[in-house]
Amino acid sequence: MPAGLAAAAGPIQAALLGRVEAVLAAKAPGAPAADRARSARVAIQIVQGMLPMVLAAEGPERAEVVAEIKTVLYRYLSPLSPSADTV
């Protein structure tokens, strides 16, 4: 990524990471902060990695791909939360 683009994207990425970390802190307050931060980064990467597949899908397939992403994220993040059934 060109330096100028990386500099422009930095604040947006930091804000997104902060929001995801805040959600994880609310859902898993007992998890260590370092674990929540790492899990937030991984969750964001999962979504970013799957985004091209979502954008390439059309019609009902798009909804199914989005459902798959939600399933992956739920299964990845639920061990952090003692009340995983409410995630």
C-alpha atoms as a PDB file:
ATOM      1  CA  MET A   1       0.000   0.000   0.000  1.00  0.00           C
ATOM      2  CA  PRO A   2       1.419   3.416  -0.920  1.00  0.00           C
ATOM      3  CA  ALA A   3       2.544   5.482   2.059  1.00  0.00           C
ATOM      4  CA  GLY A   4      -0.034   8.223   1.442  1.00  0.00           C
ATOM      5  CA  LEU A   5      -2.890   5.754   1.285  1.00  0.00           C
ATOM      6  CA  ALA A   6      -1.653   3.938   4.391  1.00  0.00           C
ATOM      7  CA  ALA A   7      -1.479   7.240   6.261  1.00  0.00           C
ATOM      8  CA  ALA A   8      -5.018   8.134   5.204  1.00  0.00           C
ATOM      9  CA  ALA A   9      -6.396   4.694   6.089  1.00  0.00           C
ATOM     10  CA  GLY A  10      -4.622   4.539   9.458  1.00  0.00           C
ATOM     11  CA  PRO A  11      -7.147   6.577  11.468  1.00  0.00           C
ATOM     12  CA  ILE A  12     -10.077   4.675   9.955  1.00  0.00           C
ATOM     13  CA  GLN A  13      -8.482   1.322  10.743  1.00  0.00           C
ATOM     14  CA  ALA A  14      -7.646   2.452  14.277  1.00  0.00           C
ATOM     15  CA  ALA A  15     -11.230   3.595  14.834  1.00  0.00           C
ATOM     16  CA  LEU A  16     -12.600   0.280  13.553  1.00  0.00           C
ATOM     17  CA  LEU A  17     -10.221  -1.660  15.777  1.00  0.00           C
ATOM     18  CA  GLY A  18     -11.253   0.460  18.768  1.00  0.00           C
ATOM     19  CA  ARG A  19     -14.939  -0.206  18.115  1.00  0.00           C
ATOM     20  CA  VAL A  20     -14.429  -3.969  17.795  1.00  0.00           C
ATOM     21  CA  GLU A  21     -12.279  -4.010  20.950  1.00  0.00           C
ATOM     22  CA  ALA A  22     -15.034  -2.107  22.797  1.00  0.00           C
ATOM     23  CA  VAL A  23     -17.654  -4.655  21.738  1.00  0.00           C
ATOM     24  CA  LEU A  24     -15.408  -7.494  22.878  1.00  0.00           C
ATOM     25  CA  ALA A  25     -14.759  -5.722  26.188  1.00  0.00           C
ATOM     26  CA  ALA A  26     -18.506  -5.463  26.759  1.00  0.00           C
ATOM     27  CA  LYS A  27     -19.133  -9.088  25.814  1.00  0.00           C
ATOM     28  CA  ALA A  28     -16.076 -10.538  27.560  1.00  0.00           C
ATOM     29  CA  PRO A  29     -15.047  -8.196  30.377  1.00  0.00           C
ATOM     30  CA  GLY A  30     -13.126 -10.974  32.127  1.00  0.00           C
ATOM     31  CA  ALA A  31     -10.903 -11.725  29.136  1.00  0.00           C
ATOM     32  CA  PRO A  32      -7.422 -10.190  29.289  1.00  0.00           C
ATOM     33  CA  ALA A  33      -7.131  -6.952  27.306  1.00  0.00           C
ATOM     34  CA  ALA A  34      -4.320  -8.380  25.181  1.00  0.00           C
ATOM     35  CA  ASP A  35      -6.512 -11.348  24.210  1.00  0.00           C
ATOM     36  CA  ARG A  36      -9.399  -9.071  23.296  1.00  0.00           C
ATOM     37  CA  ALA A  37      -7.133  -6.823  21.226  1.00  0.00           C
ATOM     38  CA  ARG A  38      -5.664  -9.776  19.341  1.00  0.00           C
ATOM     39  CA  SER A  39      -9.110 -11.284  18.784  1.00  0.00           C
ATOM     40  CA  ALA A  40     -10.368  -7.950  17.468  1.00  0.00           C
ATOM     41  CA  ARG A  41      -7.519  -7.787  14.955  1.00  0.00           C
ATOM     42  CA  VAL A  42      -8.166 -11.367  13.835  1.00  0.00           C
ATOM     43  CA  ALA A  43     -11.915 -10.777  13.492  1.00  0.00           C
ATOM     44  CA  ILE A  44     -11.292  -7.717  11.328  1.00  0.00           C
ATOM     45  CA  GLN A  45      -8.905  -9.702   9.143  1.00  0.00           C
ATOM     46  CA  ILE A  46     -11.493 -12.461   8.734  1.00  0.00           C
ATOM     47  CA  VAL A  47     -14.047  -9.943   7.479  1.00  0.00           C
ATOM     48  CA  GLN A  48     -11.527  -8.225   5.214  1.00  0.00           C
ATOM     49  CA  GLY A  49     -10.419 -11.568   3.809  1.00  0.00           C
ATOM     50  CA  MET A  50     -13.985 -12.642   3.070  1.00  0.00           C
ATOM     51  CA  LEU A  51     -15.157  -9.308   1.669  1.00  0.00           C
ATOM     52  CA  PRO A  52     -14.108 -10.063  -1.942  1.00  0.00           C
ATOM     53  CA  MET A  53     -16.179 -13.256  -1.813  1.00  0.00           C
ATOM     54  CA  VAL A  54     -19.210 -11.301  -0.579  1.00  0.00           C
ATOM     55  CA  LEU A  55     -18.806  -8.673  -3.275  1.00  0.00           C
ATOM     56  CA  ALA A  56     -18.454 -11.318  -5.996  1.00  0.00           C
ATOM     57  CA  ALA A  57     -21.595 -13.162  -4.910  1.00  0.00           C
ATOM     58  CA  GLU A  58     -24.980 -12.251  -6.290  1.00  0.00           C
ATOM     59  CA  GLY A  59     -28.538 -12.757  -5.148  1.00  0.00           C
ATOM     60  CA  PRO A  60     -29.189 -15.435  -2.553  1.00  0.00           C
ATOM     61  CA  GLU A  61     -25.547 -16.542  -2.668  1.00  0.00           C
ATOM     62  CA  ARG A  62     -24.473 -13.196  -1.186  1.00  0.00           C
ATOM     63  CA  ALA A  63     -26.757 -13.679   1.808  1.00  0.00           C
ATOM     64  CA  GLU A  64     -25.392 -17.193   2.264  1.00  0.00           C
ATOM     65  CA  VAL A  65     -21.789 -15.964   2.191  1.00  0.00           C
ATOM     66  CA  VAL A  66     -22.612 -13.267   4.751  1.00  0.00           C
ATOM     67  CA  ALA A  67     -24.225 -15.942   6.926  1.00  0.00           C
ATOM     68  CA  GLU A  68     -21.024 -17.992   6.676  1.00  0.00           C
ATOM     69  CA  ILE A  69     -18.943 -15.025   7.838  1.00  0.00           C
ATOM     70  CA  LYS A  70     -21.260 -14.547  10.802  1.00  0.00           C
ATOM     71  CA  THR A  71     -20.929 -18.226  11.664  1.00  0.00           C
ATOM     72  CA  VAL A  72     -17.140 -18.074  11.492  1.00  0.00           C
ATOM     73  CA  LEU A  73     -17.010 -14.940  13.650  1.00  0.00           C
ATOM     74  CA  TYR A  74     -19.453 -16.352  16.191  1.00  0.00           C
ATOM     75  CA  ARG A  75     -17.515 -19.579  16.523  1.00  0.00           C
ATOM     76  CA  TYR A  76     -14.195 -17.755  16.726  1.00  0.00           C
ATOM     77  CA  LEU A  77     -15.298 -15.147  19.268  1.00  0.00           C
ATOM     78  CA  SER A  78     -17.724 -17.103  21.444  1.00  0.00           C
ATOM     79  CA  PRO A  79     -15.011 -18.723  23.615  1.00  0.00           C
ATOM     80  CA  LEU A  80     -14.093 -15.210  24.849  1.00  0.00           C
ATOM     81  CA  SER A  81     -17.538 -14.629  26.320  1.00  0.00           C
ATOM     82  CA  PRO A  82     -18.980 -16.475  29.313  1.00  0.00           C
ATOM     83  CA  SER A  83     -22.434 -15.843  27.828  1.00  0.00           C
ATOM     84  CA  ALA A  84     -21.661 -16.980  24.286  1.00  0.00           C
ATOM     85  CA  ASP A  85     -25.294 -17.727  23.552  1.00  0.00           C
ATOM     86  CA  THR A  86     -26.033 -13.980  23.553  1.00  0.00           C
ATOM     87  CA  VAL A  87     -23.288 -12.970  21.116  1.00  0.00           C
END
